Amino acid sequence: MPEQPETKEKKSLSLNVVSSKKHRGFGAGSIDLSDVACVMIDEGVAYIDVGIMHAKSKVERGIKFTPNKEDTPNGRPCWIVWVAVDRNEEGSYYAGVTSCEMLVDTEAKRGWKILADHVNRLDYAIKRRYMLDNLGETEKAALRKLLIEHNADWWDRSPEELKEALQ
């Protein structure tokens, strides 16, 4: 019998940033990040970047961040968006979405962000809140487009509060 060629399973792009494997060792009972995705909005384009969780996104690499906004006078605004996905009887949906502003000056390798705000907003997304008031029209449109293109069914099942926040 001829050997069958090995077929590779194609991995789909998912919104998970941490393995969903259960473990009972160190850290058991801590915050579960398996249903949180990291989105970057840069120059009007939103995309998933798993490196954000550890401040190693494409935008953040090589940048020295400071909590003083005046240290980055020529920084371009970028937003990190935390997206929590949950499931109900109808299926998965975007359950919590929060955005954090930062400034990045790629040429000067300098940036501004308030880490505590990023951590708090991650926590708010995990707690199923929507906080998108700091986004402009362009950023809202880019995020809405990404969420719909990633999974239109999840978008359709998401609460009106999210859809109104991204109008």
C-alpha atoms as a PDB file:
ATOM      1  CA  MET A   1       0.000   0.000   0.000  1.00  0.00           C
ATOM      2  CA  PRO A   2       1.561   3.341  -1.010  1.00  0.00           C
ATOM      3  CA  GLU A   3       2.243   5.799   1.768  1.00  0.00           C
ATOM      4  CA  GLN A   4      -0.080   8.757   1.968  1.00  0.00           C
ATOM      5  CA  PRO A   5       1.668  12.134   1.746  1.00  0.00           C
ATOM      6  CA  GLU A   6       1.680  13.973   5.048  1.00  0.00           C
ATOM      7  CA  THR A   7      -0.979  16.682   5.142  1.00  0.00           C
ATOM      8  CA  LYS A   8      -0.392  19.741   7.236  1.00  0.00           C
ATOM      9  CA  GLU A   9      -3.317  21.134   9.147  1.00  0.00           C
ATOM     10  CA  LYS A  10      -3.917  24.723   8.182  1.00  0.00           C
ATOM     11  CA  LYS A  11      -4.083  26.951  11.238  1.00  0.00           C
ATOM     12  CA  SER A  12      -6.758  29.612  11.128  1.00  0.00           C
ATOM     13  CA  LEU A  13      -6.114  33.113  12.354  1.00  0.00           C
ATOM     14  CA  SER A  14      -7.735  33.243  15.744  1.00  0.00           C
ATOM     15  CA  LEU A  15      -8.292  35.944  18.292  1.00  0.00           C
ATOM     16  CA  ASN A  16      -6.576  33.914  20.999  1.00  0.00           C
ATOM     17  CA  VAL A  17      -3.208  35.082  22.266  1.00  0.00           C
ATOM     18  CA  VAL A  18      -2.612  32.471  24.949  1.00  0.00           C
ATOM     19  CA  SER A  19      -3.173  28.740  24.680  1.00  0.00           C
ATOM     20  CA  SER A  20      -6.559  27.565  25.892  1.00  0.00           C
ATOM     21  CA  LYS A  21      -4.989  24.427  27.389  1.00  0.00           C
ATOM     22  CA  LYS A  22      -6.003  23.992  31.012  1.00  0.00           C
ATOM     23  CA  HIS A  23      -3.340  23.713  33.658  1.00  0.00           C
ATOM     24  CA  ARG A  24      -3.488  23.513  37.419  1.00  0.00           C
ATOM     25  CA  GLY A  25       0.048  24.563  38.296  1.00  0.00           C
ATOM     26  CA  PHE A  26       1.532  27.920  39.186  1.00  0.00           C
ATOM     27  CA  GLY A  27      -0.812  30.773  38.366  1.00  0.00           C
ATOM     28  CA  ALA A  28      -3.955  28.637  38.435  1.00  0.00           C
ATOM     29  CA  GLY A  29      -6.904  30.890  39.132  1.00  0.00           C
ATOM     30  CA  SER A  30      -5.182  33.941  37.670  1.00  0.00           C
ATOM     31  CA  ILE A  31      -6.710  36.035  34.872  1.00  0.00           C
ATOM     32  CA  ASP A  32      -7.375  33.941  31.761  1.00  0.00           C
ATOM     33  CA  LEU A  33      -6.159  35.764  28.664  1.00  0.00           C
ATOM     34  CA  SER A  34      -7.057  32.973  26.242  1.00  0.00           C
ATOM     35  CA  ASP A  35     -10.098  34.876  24.976  1.00  0.00           C
ATOM     36  CA  VAL A  36      -8.409  38.274  24.624  1.00  0.00           C
ATOM     37  CA  ALA A  37      -6.983  39.526  21.364  1.00  0.00           C
ATOM     38  CA  CYS A  38      -4.664  42.418  20.708  1.00  0.00           C
ATOM     39  CA  VAL A  39      -5.408  44.832  17.899  1.00  0.00           C
ATOM     40  CA  MET A  40      -3.213  47.715  16.761  1.00  0.00           C
ATOM     41  CA  ILE A  41      -4.625  50.746  14.977  1.00  0.00           C
ATOM     42  CA  ASP A  42      -1.850  52.643  13.223  1.00  0.00           C
ATOM     43  CA  GLU A  43      -2.342  55.299  10.564  1.00  0.00           C
ATOM     44  CA  GLY A  44      -5.980  54.351  10.021  1.00  0.00           C
ATOM     45  CA  VAL A  45      -5.387  50.601   9.671  1.00  0.00           C
ATOM     46  CA  ALA A  46      -6.427  48.021  12.283  1.00  0.00           C
ATOM     47  CA  TYR A  47      -4.711  44.635  12.466  1.00  0.00           C
ATOM     48  CA  ILE A  48      -4.187  41.803  14.936  1.00  0.00           C
ATOM     49  CA  ASP A  49      -0.725  41.742  16.529  1.00  0.00           C
ATOM     50  CA  VAL A  50      -0.213  39.138  19.262  1.00  0.00           C
ATOM     51  CA  GLY A  51       3.045  40.816  20.303  1.00  0.00           C
ATOM     52  CA  ILE A  52       1.075  43.626  21.929  1.00  0.00           C
ATOM     53  CA  MET A  53       0.377  41.501  24.994  1.00  0.00           C
ATOM     54  CA  HIS A  54       4.073  41.683  25.908  1.00  0.00           C
ATOM     55  CA  ALA A  55       4.756  45.181  24.485  1.00  0.00           C
ATOM     56  CA  LYS A  56       6.528  43.588  21.520  1.00  0.00           C
ATOM     57  CA  SER A  57       4.207  44.638  18.722  1.00  0.00           C
ATOM     58  CA  LYS A  58       5.590  45.681  15.346  1.00  0.00           C
ATOM     59  CA  VAL A  59       5.003  49.331  16.328  1.00  0.00           C
ATOM     60  CA  GLU A  60       6.514  49.080  19.841  1.00  0.00           C
ATOM     61  CA  ARG A  61       9.734  47.181  19.014  1.00  0.00           C
ATOM     62  CA  GLY A  62      12.844  49.304  19.537  1.00  0.00           C
ATOM     63  CA  ILE A  63      10.908  52.214  21.066  1.00  0.00           C
ATOM     64  CA  LYS A  64      11.841  53.642  24.472  1.00  0.00           C
ATOM     65  CA  PHE A  65       8.585  54.624  26.157  1.00  0.00           C
ATOM     66  CA  THR A  66       8.130  57.363  28.729  1.00  0.00           C
ATOM     67  CA  PRO A  67       5.065  58.457  30.738  1.00  0.00           C
ATOM     68  CA  ASN A  68       5.767  62.106  29.778  1.00  0.00           C
ATOM     69  CA  LYS A  69       3.843  63.077  26.647  1.00  0.00           C
ATOM     70  CA  GLU A  70       6.104  66.086  25.996  1.00  0.00           C
ATOM     71  CA  ASP A  71       9.072  63.701  25.479  1.00  0.00           C
ATOM     72  CA  THR A  72       7.473  62.567  22.188  1.00  0.00           C
ATOM     73  CA  PRO A  73       6.562  65.829  20.427  1.00  0.00           C
ATOM     74  CA  ASN A  74       6.614  64.298  16.922  1.00  0.00           C
ATOM     75  CA  GLY A  75       4.885  61.036  17.828  1.00  0.00           C
ATOM     76  CA  ARG A  76       2.112  59.672  15.674  1.00  0.00           C
ATOM     77  CA  PRO A  77      -0.964  58.444  17.527  1.00  0.00           C
ATOM     78  CA  CYS A  78      -1.490  54.679  17.675  1.00  0.00           C
ATOM     79  CA  TRP A  79      -4.069  52.708  19.618  1.00  0.00           C
ATOM     80  CA  ILE A  80      -3.909  49.322  21.256  1.00  0.00           C
ATOM     81  CA  VAL A  81      -7.330  47.708  21.398  1.00  0.00           C
ATOM     82  CA  TRP A  82      -8.080  44.816  23.731  1.00  0.00           C
ATOM     83  CA  VAL A  83     -10.846  42.562  22.387  1.00  0.00           C
ATOM     84  CA  ALA A  84     -12.443  39.977  24.684  1.00  0.00           C
ATOM     85  CA  VAL A  85     -14.510  37.239  23.072  1.00  0.00           C
ATOM     86  CA  ASP A  86     -17.226  35.415  24.983  1.00  0.00           C
ATOM     87  CA  ARG A  87     -19.822  32.812  24.144  1.00  0.00           C
ATOM     88  CA  ASN A  88     -23.538  32.593  24.885  1.00  0.00           C
ATOM     89  CA  GLU A  89     -26.247  30.172  23.785  1.00  0.00           C
ATOM     90  CA  GLU A  90     -26.238  31.731  20.293  1.00  0.00           C
ATOM     91  CA  GLY A  91     -22.444  31.550  19.860  1.00  0.00           C
ATOM     92  CA  SER A  92     -19.330  33.695  20.225  1.00  0.00           C
ATOM     93  CA  TYR A  93     -19.409  37.493  20.204  1.00  0.00           C
ATOM     94  CA  TYR A  94     -17.214  40.524  20.963  1.00  0.00           C
ATOM     95  CA  ALA A  95     -17.897  40.864  24.683  1.00  0.00           C
ATOM     96  CA  GLY A  96     -15.460  43.586  25.759  1.00  0.00           C
ATOM     97  CA  VAL A  97     -13.491  46.086  23.672  1.00  0.00           C
ATOM     98  CA  THR A  98     -11.278  48.864  25.059  1.00  0.00           C
ATOM     99  CA  SER A  99      -8.752  51.173  23.428  1.00  0.00           C
ATOM    100  CA  CYS A 100      -5.528  52.715  24.766  1.00  0.00           C
ATOM    101  CA  GLU A 101      -3.734  55.638  23.175  1.00  0.00           C
ATOM    102  CA  MET A 102       0.008  55.928  22.709  1.00  0.00           C
ATOM    103  CA  LEU A 103       2.370  58.095  20.675  1.00  0.00           C
ATOM    104  CA  VAL A 104       5.245  56.625  18.665  1.00  0.00           C
ATOM    105  CA  ASP A 105       8.111  58.465  16.984  1.00  0.00           C
ATOM    106  CA  THR A 106       9.784  55.705  14.968  1.00  0.00           C
ATOM    107  CA  GLU A 107      12.647  57.908  13.748  1.00  0.00           C
ATOM    108  CA  ALA A 108      13.609  59.115  17.231  1.00  0.00           C
ATOM    109  CA  LYS A 109      12.834  55.661  18.730  1.00  0.00           C
ATOM    110  CA  ARG A 110      10.768  57.384  21.436  1.00  0.00           C
ATOM    111  CA  GLY A 111       7.222  56.868  22.552  1.00  0.00           C
ATOM    112  CA  TRP A 112       4.605  57.793  25.128  1.00  0.00           C
ATOM    113  CA  LYS A 113       2.146  55.531  26.867  1.00  0.00           C
ATOM    114  CA  ILE A 114       0.759  55.136  30.333  1.00  0.00           C
ATOM    115  CA  LEU A 115       1.238  51.487  31.214  1.00  0.00           C
ATOM    116  CA  ALA A 116      -1.250  51.613  34.109  1.00  0.00           C
ATOM    117  CA  ASP A 117      -3.957  52.810  31.697  1.00  0.00           C
ATOM    118  CA  HIS A 118      -3.169  49.957  29.291  1.00  0.00           C
ATOM    119  CA  VAL A 119      -3.386  47.401  32.123  1.00  0.00           C
ATOM    120  CA  ASN A 120      -6.632  48.891  33.460  1.00  0.00           C
ATOM    121  CA  ARG A 121      -8.233  48.914  30.039  1.00  0.00           C
ATOM    122  CA  LEU A 122      -7.183  45.282  29.463  1.00  0.00           C
ATOM    123  CA  ASP A 123      -8.914  44.494  32.753  1.00  0.00           C
ATOM    124  CA  TYR A 124     -12.032  46.403  31.642  1.00  0.00           C
ATOM    125  CA  ALA A 125     -12.181  44.404  28.389  1.00  0.00           C
ATOM    126  CA  ILE A 126     -11.902  41.151  30.353  1.00  0.00           C
ATOM    127  CA  LYS A 127     -14.750  42.423  32.550  1.00  0.00           C
ATOM    128  CA  ARG A 128     -16.879  42.833  29.408  1.00  0.00           C
ATOM    129  CA  ARG A 129     -16.862  46.614  29.088  1.00  0.00           C
ATOM    130  CA  TYR A 130     -16.690  48.831  26.017  1.00  0.00           C
ATOM    131  CA  MET A 131     -14.407  51.895  26.268  1.00  0.00           C
ATOM    132  CA  LEU A 132     -13.736  53.389  22.846  1.00  0.00           C
ATOM    133  CA  ASP A 133     -14.331  57.073  23.508  1.00  0.00           C
ATOM    134  CA  ASN A 134     -10.695  58.006  22.775  1.00  0.00           C
ATOM    135  CA  LEU A 135     -10.888  56.789  19.146  1.00  0.00           C
ATOM    136  CA  GLY A 136     -11.492  59.149  16.242  1.00  0.00           C
ATOM    137  CA  GLU A 137     -13.813  58.429  13.300  1.00  0.00           C
ATOM    138  CA  THR A 138     -11.012  56.901  11.183  1.00  0.00           C
ATOM    139  CA  GLU A 139      -9.916  54.560  13.983  1.00  0.00           C
ATOM    140  CA  LYS A 140     -13.503  53.525  14.772  1.00  0.00           C
ATOM    141  CA  ALA A 141     -14.112  52.698  11.105  1.00  0.00           C
ATOM    142  CA  ALA A 142     -10.867  50.674  10.908  1.00  0.00           C
ATOM    143  CA  LEU A 143     -11.715  48.696  14.052  1.00  0.00           C
ATOM    144  CA  ARG A 144     -15.306  48.069  12.936  1.00  0.00           C
ATOM    145  CA  LYS A 145     -14.017  46.835   9.542  1.00  0.00           C
ATOM    146  CA  LEU A 146     -11.504  44.465  11.189  1.00  0.00           C
ATOM    147  CA  LEU A 147     -14.045  43.013  13.645  1.00  0.00           C
ATOM    148  CA  ILE A 148     -16.610  42.420  10.885  1.00  0.00           C
ATOM    149  CA  GLU A 149     -14.055  40.937   8.460  1.00  0.00           C
ATOM    150  CA  HIS A 150     -12.574  38.706  11.150  1.00  0.00           C
ATOM    151  CA  ASN A 151     -15.946  37.170  12.001  1.00  0.00           C
ATOM    152  CA  ALA A 152     -19.227  38.715  10.813  1.00  0.00           C
ATOM    153  CA  ASP A 153     -21.275  36.287  12.943  1.00  0.00           C
ATOM    154  CA  TRP A 154     -19.482  37.427  16.120  1.00  0.00           C
ATOM    155  CA  TRP A 155     -20.163  41.050  15.110  1.00  0.00           C
ATOM    156  CA  ASP A 156     -23.862  40.304  14.463  1.00  0.00           C
ATOM    157  CA  ARG A 157     -24.198  38.673  17.917  1.00  0.00           C
ATOM    158  CA  SER A 158     -22.375  41.540  19.692  1.00  0.00           C
ATOM    159  CA  PRO A 159     -24.399  43.980  21.806  1.00  0.00           C
ATOM    160  CA  GLU A 160     -25.756  47.193  20.270  1.00  0.00           C
ATOM    161  CA  GLU A 161     -23.561  49.114  22.729  1.00  0.00           C
ATOM    162  CA  LEU A 162     -20.452  48.064  20.765  1.00  0.00           C
ATOM    163  CA  LYS A 163     -21.996  48.798  17.374  1.00  0.00           C
ATOM    164  CA  GLU A 164     -23.101  52.262  18.543  1.00  0.00           C
ATOM    165  CA  ALA A 165     -19.641  52.969  20.017  1.00  0.00           C
ATOM    166  CA  LEU A 166     -18.082  52.251  16.604  1.00  0.00           C
ATOM    167  CA  GLN A 167     -20.518  54.373  14.537  1.00  0.00           C
END
